[in-house]
Protein backbone atom coordinates (compact mmCIF):
# COMPACT_ATOMS: atom_id res chain seq x y z
CA MET A 1 -30.53 47.92 57.23
CA SER A 2 -29.54 49.61 53.96
CA SER A 3 -28.51 52.79 55.77
CA ALA A 4 -26.25 50.77 58.07
CA PHE A 5 -24.70 48.98 55.09
CA PHE A 6 -23.80 52.27 53.38
CA SER A 7 -22.61 54.05 56.52
CA PRO A 8 -18.92 54.95 57.08
CA GLN A 9 -16.83 52.05 58.34
CA PRO A 10 -13.94 51.75 60.86
CA LEU A 11 -10.62 52.40 59.16
CA ILE A 12 -8.98 50.10 61.70
CA ARG A 13 -10.28 47.11 59.72
CA LEU A 14 -8.22 48.07 56.68
CA ALA A 15 -5.17 48.83 58.82
CA PHE A 16 -5.42 45.42 60.49
CA LEU A 17 -5.59 43.65 57.14
CA ARG A 18 -2.67 45.68 55.79
CA VAL A 19 -0.48 44.85 58.77
CA CYS A 20 -1.38 41.18 59.21
CA LEU A 21 -2.00 39.79 55.72
CA PRO A 22 1.55 40.25 54.29
CA PRO A 23 3.26 38.12 57.00
CA ALA A 24 0.84 35.25 56.33
CA ILE A 25 1.37 35.48 52.56
CA LEU A 26 5.14 35.83 52.81
CA GLY A 27 5.28 32.97 55.30
CA PHE A 28 3.62 30.70 52.77
CA LEU A 29 5.81 31.91 49.91
CA SER A 30 8.97 31.49 51.99
CA LEU A 31 8.62 27.71 51.57
CA ARG A 32 9.14 28.28 47.85
CA MET A 33 11.42 31.30 47.91
CA VAL A 34 14.23 29.40 49.61
CA HIS A 35 14.33 27.34 46.41
CA ALA A 36 13.91 30.27 44.04
CA SER A 37 16.36 28.96 41.43
CA ASP A 38 14.43 25.67 41.18
CA TRP A 39 11.01 27.29 41.52
CA LEU A 40 11.15 30.10 38.94
CA SER A 41 14.35 29.90 36.90
CA VAL A 42 15.60 27.96 33.90
CA ASN A 43 17.42 25.61 36.31
CA GLY A 44 14.18 24.06 37.56
CA PHE A 45 11.17 22.34 36.06
CA SER A 46 8.77 24.50 34.09
CA VAL A 47 5.64 23.60 32.17
CA PRO A 48 6.41 23.71 28.43
CA ARG A 49 4.74 26.25 26.23
CA MET A 50 1.63 24.85 24.59
CA ALA A 51 0.02 25.77 21.30
CA ALA A 52 -1.68 29.13 21.10
CA GLY A 53 -5.30 29.00 22.19
CA ASP A 54 -4.89 25.93 24.41
CA TRP A 55 -7.39 26.34 27.28
CA ARG A 56 -5.03 24.58 29.68
CA GLN A 57 -2.51 27.42 29.38
CA PRO A 58 -4.22 30.79 28.90
CA LEU A 59 -0.99 32.62 29.78
CA TYR A 60 2.61 31.46 29.45
CA LEU A 61 5.42 33.07 31.44
CA ALA A 62 8.89 31.94 30.47
CA PRO A 63 11.22 30.85 33.30
CA LEU A 64 13.62 33.52 34.57
CA GLN A 65 17.36 33.57 34.82
CA VAL A 66 18.64 32.54 38.24
CA TRP A 67 19.54 36.09 39.30
CA GLN A 68 16.15 37.33 38.12
CA ALA A 69 14.36 34.71 40.21
CA TRP A 70 16.25 35.72 43.35
CA ALA A 71 15.72 39.41 42.59
CA LEU A 72 11.98 38.86 42.20
CA CYS A 73 11.78 37.06 45.53
CA GLY A 74 13.79 39.82 47.19
CA ALA A 75 11.52 42.49 45.74
CA THR A 76 8.46 40.58 46.95
CA VAL A 77 9.76 40.39 50.51
CA ALA A 78 10.88 44.04 50.54
CA ALA A 79 7.60 45.33 49.09
CA GLY A 80 5.51 43.17 51.42
CA THR A 81 7.44 44.33 54.47
CA ALA A 82 7.18 48.00 53.49
CA PHE A 83 3.45 47.62 52.81
CA CYS A 84 2.95 45.98 56.20
CA LEU A 85 4.72 48.91 57.88
CA GLY A 86 2.74 51.43 55.86
CA LEU A 87 5.76 52.96 54.15
CA TYR A 88 4.74 54.60 50.85
CA THR A 89 1.70 52.35 51.07
CA ARG A 90 0.24 52.80 47.59
CA LEU A 91 3.57 52.32 45.83
CA THR A 92 4.86 49.38 47.84
CA GLY A 93 1.43 47.77 47.92
CA ALA A 94 1.12 47.97 44.14
CA LEU A 95 4.59 46.44 43.75
CA PHE A 96 3.74 43.70 46.26
CA ALA A 97 0.48 42.91 44.46
CA ALA A 98 2.25 42.81 41.08
CA CYS A 99 4.85 40.39 42.44
CA LEU A 100 2.17 38.15 43.93
CA ILE A 101 0.21 38.07 40.69
CA TYR A 102 3.35 37.17 38.76
CA LEU A 103 4.28 34.42 41.22
CA ALA A 104 0.78 32.94 41.07
CA LEU A 105 0.88 32.85 37.27
CA ALA A 106 4.52 31.83 36.82
CA ASP A 107 4.04 28.40 38.35
CA ARG A 108 0.36 27.54 38.32
CA LEU A 109 1.11 23.97 39.41
CA ALA A 110 2.39 25.29 42.75
CA ALA A 111 -0.21 28.05 43.10
CA PHE A 112 -2.39 27.61 46.17
CA THR A 113 -5.36 29.44 47.67
CA VAL A 114 -2.96 31.69 49.60
CA SER A 115 -1.23 32.66 46.35
CA LYS A 116 -4.44 33.50 44.54
CA LEU A 117 -6.57 35.00 47.30
CA GLY A 118 -3.60 36.85 48.78
CA ALA A 119 -2.91 38.64 45.51
CA VAL A 120 -6.56 39.72 45.24
CA LEU A 121 -6.69 41.01 48.82
CA ILE A 122 -3.45 43.00 48.54
CA LEU A 123 -4.51 44.52 45.22
CA ALA A 124 -7.84 45.53 46.74
CA LEU A 125 -6.13 47.04 49.80
CA VAL A 126 -3.96 49.20 47.54
CA LEU A 127 -7.14 50.86 46.29
CA THR A 128 -8.25 51.76 49.83
CA PRO A 129 -6.96 54.29 52.40
CA CYS A 130 -5.41 51.44 54.41
CA GLY A 131 -2.28 53.49 55.03
CA GLU A 132 -4.11 56.28 56.86
CA ARG A 133 -3.82 54.55 60.25
CA ILE A 134 -1.20 52.46 62.09
CA SER A 135 1.45 53.26 59.50
CA LEU A 136 4.61 55.20 58.89
CA ASP A 137 2.74 57.17 56.25
CA ALA A 138 0.18 58.26 58.86
CA LEU A 139 2.96 59.51 61.12
CA ARG A 140 4.61 61.33 58.25
CA ARG A 141 1.40 62.98 57.06
CA GLY A 142 -0.11 63.61 60.48
CA SER A 143 -3.29 61.65 59.62
CA ALA A 144 -3.06 59.20 62.53
CA THR A 145 -6.32 60.46 64.06
CA LYS A 146 -8.51 59.45 61.11
CA THR A 147 -10.88 56.68 62.18
CA LEU A 148 -13.51 56.22 59.43
CA CYS A 149 -13.59 55.51 55.70
CA THR A 150 -16.32 55.23 53.09
CA TRP A 151 -18.42 52.06 53.23
CA GLY A 152 -17.19 50.43 50.02
CA ASN A 153 -13.61 50.13 51.23
CA VAL A 154 -14.63 47.69 53.97
CA ARG A 155 -17.78 46.14 52.48
CA PHE A 156 -15.81 44.73 49.53
CA PHE A 157 -13.73 42.56 51.85
CA GLN A 158 -16.74 41.50 53.89
CA VAL A 159 -18.87 40.53 50.88
CA LEU A 160 -15.96 38.72 49.22
CA LEU A 161 -15.35 36.68 52.37
CA LEU A 162 -19.01 35.71 52.71
CA LEU A 163 -19.13 34.61 49.07
CA PHE A 164 -15.92 32.65 49.59
CA TYR A 165 -17.39 30.82 52.58
CA CYS A 166 -20.79 30.21 50.99
CA LEU A 167 -19.40 28.86 47.72
CA ALA A 168 -16.95 26.63 49.61
CA GLY A 169 -19.87 25.23 51.60
CA LEU A 170 -21.95 24.64 48.47
CA ALA A 171 -19.00 22.81 46.90
CA LYS A 172 -18.93 20.53 49.95
CA VAL A 173 -22.67 19.91 49.66
CA ARG A 174 -22.29 18.97 46.01
CA GLY A 175 -19.33 16.74 46.84
CA ASP A 176 -19.02 13.93 49.37
CA TRP A 177 -19.86 15.82 52.55
CA LEU A 178 -23.56 14.91 52.48
CA ARG A 179 -23.10 11.29 51.40
CA GLU A 180 -20.04 10.25 53.40
CA PRO A 181 -20.28 10.60 57.22
CA ASN A 182 -16.54 10.07 57.69
CA VAL A 183 -15.39 12.64 55.13
CA LEU A 184 -13.97 15.06 57.71
CA PHE A 185 -12.40 12.25 59.73
CA SER A 186 -10.75 10.92 56.56
CA HIS A 187 -9.03 14.28 56.04
CA LEU A 188 -7.01 13.63 59.19
CA GLN A 189 -5.36 10.62 57.51
CA ASP A 190 -4.13 12.61 54.48
CA SER A 191 -0.54 13.29 53.50
CA TYR A 192 -0.71 16.67 55.30
CA GLN A 193 -1.26 14.94 58.64
CA THR A 194 0.48 16.53 61.64
CA TRP A 195 0.97 15.39 65.22
CA GLY A 196 -2.14 17.41 66.07
CA ALA A 197 -4.25 15.59 63.48
CA TYR A 198 -2.90 12.24 64.67
CA PHE A 199 -3.72 13.06 68.29
CA LEU A 200 -7.25 14.21 67.44
CA ALA A 201 -7.94 11.19 65.22
CA ARG A 202 -6.98 8.84 68.05
CA HIS A 203 -8.74 10.56 70.94
CA VAL A 204 -11.85 12.30 69.58
CA PRO A 205 -14.86 9.96 69.17
CA LEU A 206 -16.02 9.33 65.62
CA VAL A 207 -19.49 10.67 66.34
CA VAL A 208 -17.95 14.07 67.09
CA TRP A 209 -16.46 14.22 63.58
CA HIS A 210 -19.88 13.41 62.15
CA GLY A 211 -21.30 16.41 64.01
CA LEU A 212 -18.43 18.69 63.02
CA ARG A 213 -19.06 17.82 59.38
CA TRP A 214 -22.54 19.32 59.64
CA ALA A 215 -21.27 22.27 61.67
CA VAL A 216 -18.69 23.17 59.00
CA MET A 217 -21.23 22.94 56.19
CA GLY A 218 -23.75 24.96 58.17
CA LEU A 219 -21.22 27.65 59.02
CA GLU A 220 -20.02 28.06 55.44
CA VAL A 221 -23.30 27.77 53.55
CA GLY A 222 -25.07 30.05 56.02
CA ALA A 223 -22.18 32.52 56.38
CA PRO A 224 -24.06 35.39 54.63
CA LEU A 225 -26.76 35.04 57.29
CA TRP A 226 -24.61 34.32 60.36
CA PHE A 227 -22.22 37.23 59.75
CA THR A 228 -24.97 39.68 58.76
CA LEU A 229 -27.23 39.27 61.79
CA PRO A 230 -25.81 41.21 64.76
CA TRP A 231 -26.72 38.54 67.35
CA THR A 232 -25.05 35.67 65.44
CA ARG A 233 -21.98 37.57 64.16
CA LEU A 234 -19.74 37.02 67.19
CA PRO A 235 -20.53 33.27 67.56
CA ALA A 236 -19.93 32.86 63.81
CA LEU A 237 -16.61 34.69 64.11
CA CYS A 238 -15.50 32.43 66.96
CA ALA A 239 -16.61 29.33 65.04
CA ALA A 240 -14.71 30.44 61.92
CA LEU A 241 -11.57 31.15 63.93
CA GLY A 242 -11.87 27.72 65.54
CA MET A 243 -12.24 26.10 62.13
CA HIS A 244 -9.16 27.82 60.76
CA ALA A 245 -7.18 27.04 63.91
CA PHE A 246 -8.07 23.38 63.42
CA ILE A 247 -6.91 23.59 59.79
CA GLY A 248 -3.62 25.10 60.93
CA ILE A 249 -3.03 22.47 63.60
CA GLY A 250 -4.12 19.45 61.59
CA PHE A 251 -2.96 19.94 58.03
CA GLY A 252 0.72 20.84 57.90
CA PRO A 253 1.56 23.31 55.09
CA VAL A 254 -2.11 24.37 54.97
CA ALA A 255 -1.39 26.20 58.24
CA TRP A 256 -0.58 29.30 56.20
CA PHE A 257 -4.05 29.17 54.66
CA GLY A 258 -5.54 28.87 58.14
CA LEU A 259 -3.53 31.89 59.26
CA LEU A 260 -4.51 33.94 56.20
CA MET A 261 -8.21 33.18 56.65
CA GLY A 262 -8.03 33.78 60.40
CA VAL A 263 -6.56 37.23 59.76
CA TYR A 264 -9.09 37.90 57.02
CA VAL A 265 -12.21 37.01 59.02
CA THR A 266 -10.89 38.88 62.07
CA GLY A 267 -10.21 42.07 60.12
CA ALA A 268 -13.54 41.86 58.32
CA PHE A 269 -15.90 41.07 61.20
CA ALA A 270 -14.24 41.33 64.61
CA PRO A 271 -15.55 44.17 66.82
CA PRO A 272 -13.48 47.30 66.14
CA ALA A 273 -12.61 47.44 69.85
CA TRP A 274 -10.78 44.12 69.47
CA LEU A 275 -8.71 45.51 66.61
CA GLU A 276 -7.94 48.70 68.51
CA ALA A 277 -6.81 46.60 71.48
CA PHE A 278 -4.58 44.54 69.18
CA PHE A 279 -2.62 47.66 68.23
CA ALA A 280 -2.84 49.27 71.65
CA TRP A 281 -1.18 46.38 73.47
CA PRO A 282 2.37 46.99 72.08
CA ARG A 283 2.13 50.66 73.06
CA LYS A 284 1.02 49.80 76.59
CA ALA A 285 3.78 47.20 76.91
CA ALA A 286 6.38 49.70 75.67
CA ARG A 287 5.24 52.31 78.20
CA HIS A 288 5.39 49.71 80.96
CA TRP A 289 8.88 48.45 80.17
CA PHE A 290 10.32 51.77 78.93
CA PRO A 291 8.49 54.45 80.97
CA GLY A 292 11.02 57.13 80.05
CA ASN A 293 10.40 56.78 76.33
CA ASN A 294 7.20 58.71 75.60
CA ARG A 295 8.15 60.34 72.34
CA GLY A 296 5.12 59.84 70.16
CA LYS A 297 3.15 56.81 69.10
CA LEU A 298 5.08 54.60 66.78
CA THR A 299 1.97 52.85 65.52
CA GLY A 300 0.34 56.06 64.37
CA GLY A 301 -2.99 55.10 65.96
């Protein structure tokens, strides 16, 4: 078991996360970026500076000028796009991570799980060889054939995800999820309700929601076990993807969180063949529709 844990890991996992995480993060931030002058600048509301040493405000970032707010948002989008494409991966990734950290700290009242977790994941990816496959850098350097990386580059993301799930499940256990049978059903009535949540609340029997409550707690609390054992890993992956799909369909703006977590769990634990097929499909489609264009592999894989 220990030898398998410390063995080289598929580089495709890091490439998948690099390509797919930035769109989910930028999609969430776009809801705020379109109002950049109100969100980050002196024209909008900002929490006043509190006295030094106040635990409620460990770090104060003064609001920006309007042009600075728009420039910051532009730099975030540009850096995130370049990082996704694998163009000067270390440089653009570091800039993207710095922008995300600033945005999460600049308005902590609007910071969400996507803001915080996304910044951590991008910063961690910058420290890995995620640009060695499926990237413009790989094409430029001729390293597109590299398939493995050292174990720590991938294991960090896997362990972090399992801790995230397990602690979320324990928080539910300590909260109302054990005492209140209708806790999951009640979530469908919240202010984030969508047409999907309304439809499910009206047509799915209440007893099903009682069972799903236990299934969610069991999946999250037992995640370190389910995702570690080879014979339960694939069912756990499918269950997690189903859970995040439900979050995306039923809870409005939280859809971006569902997308982020769906990408994260797929990159961390999906069979490498699935990830290879994900990147191979555009190449096969291009060869089918444009048979005369066979000049190299644009994805670098």
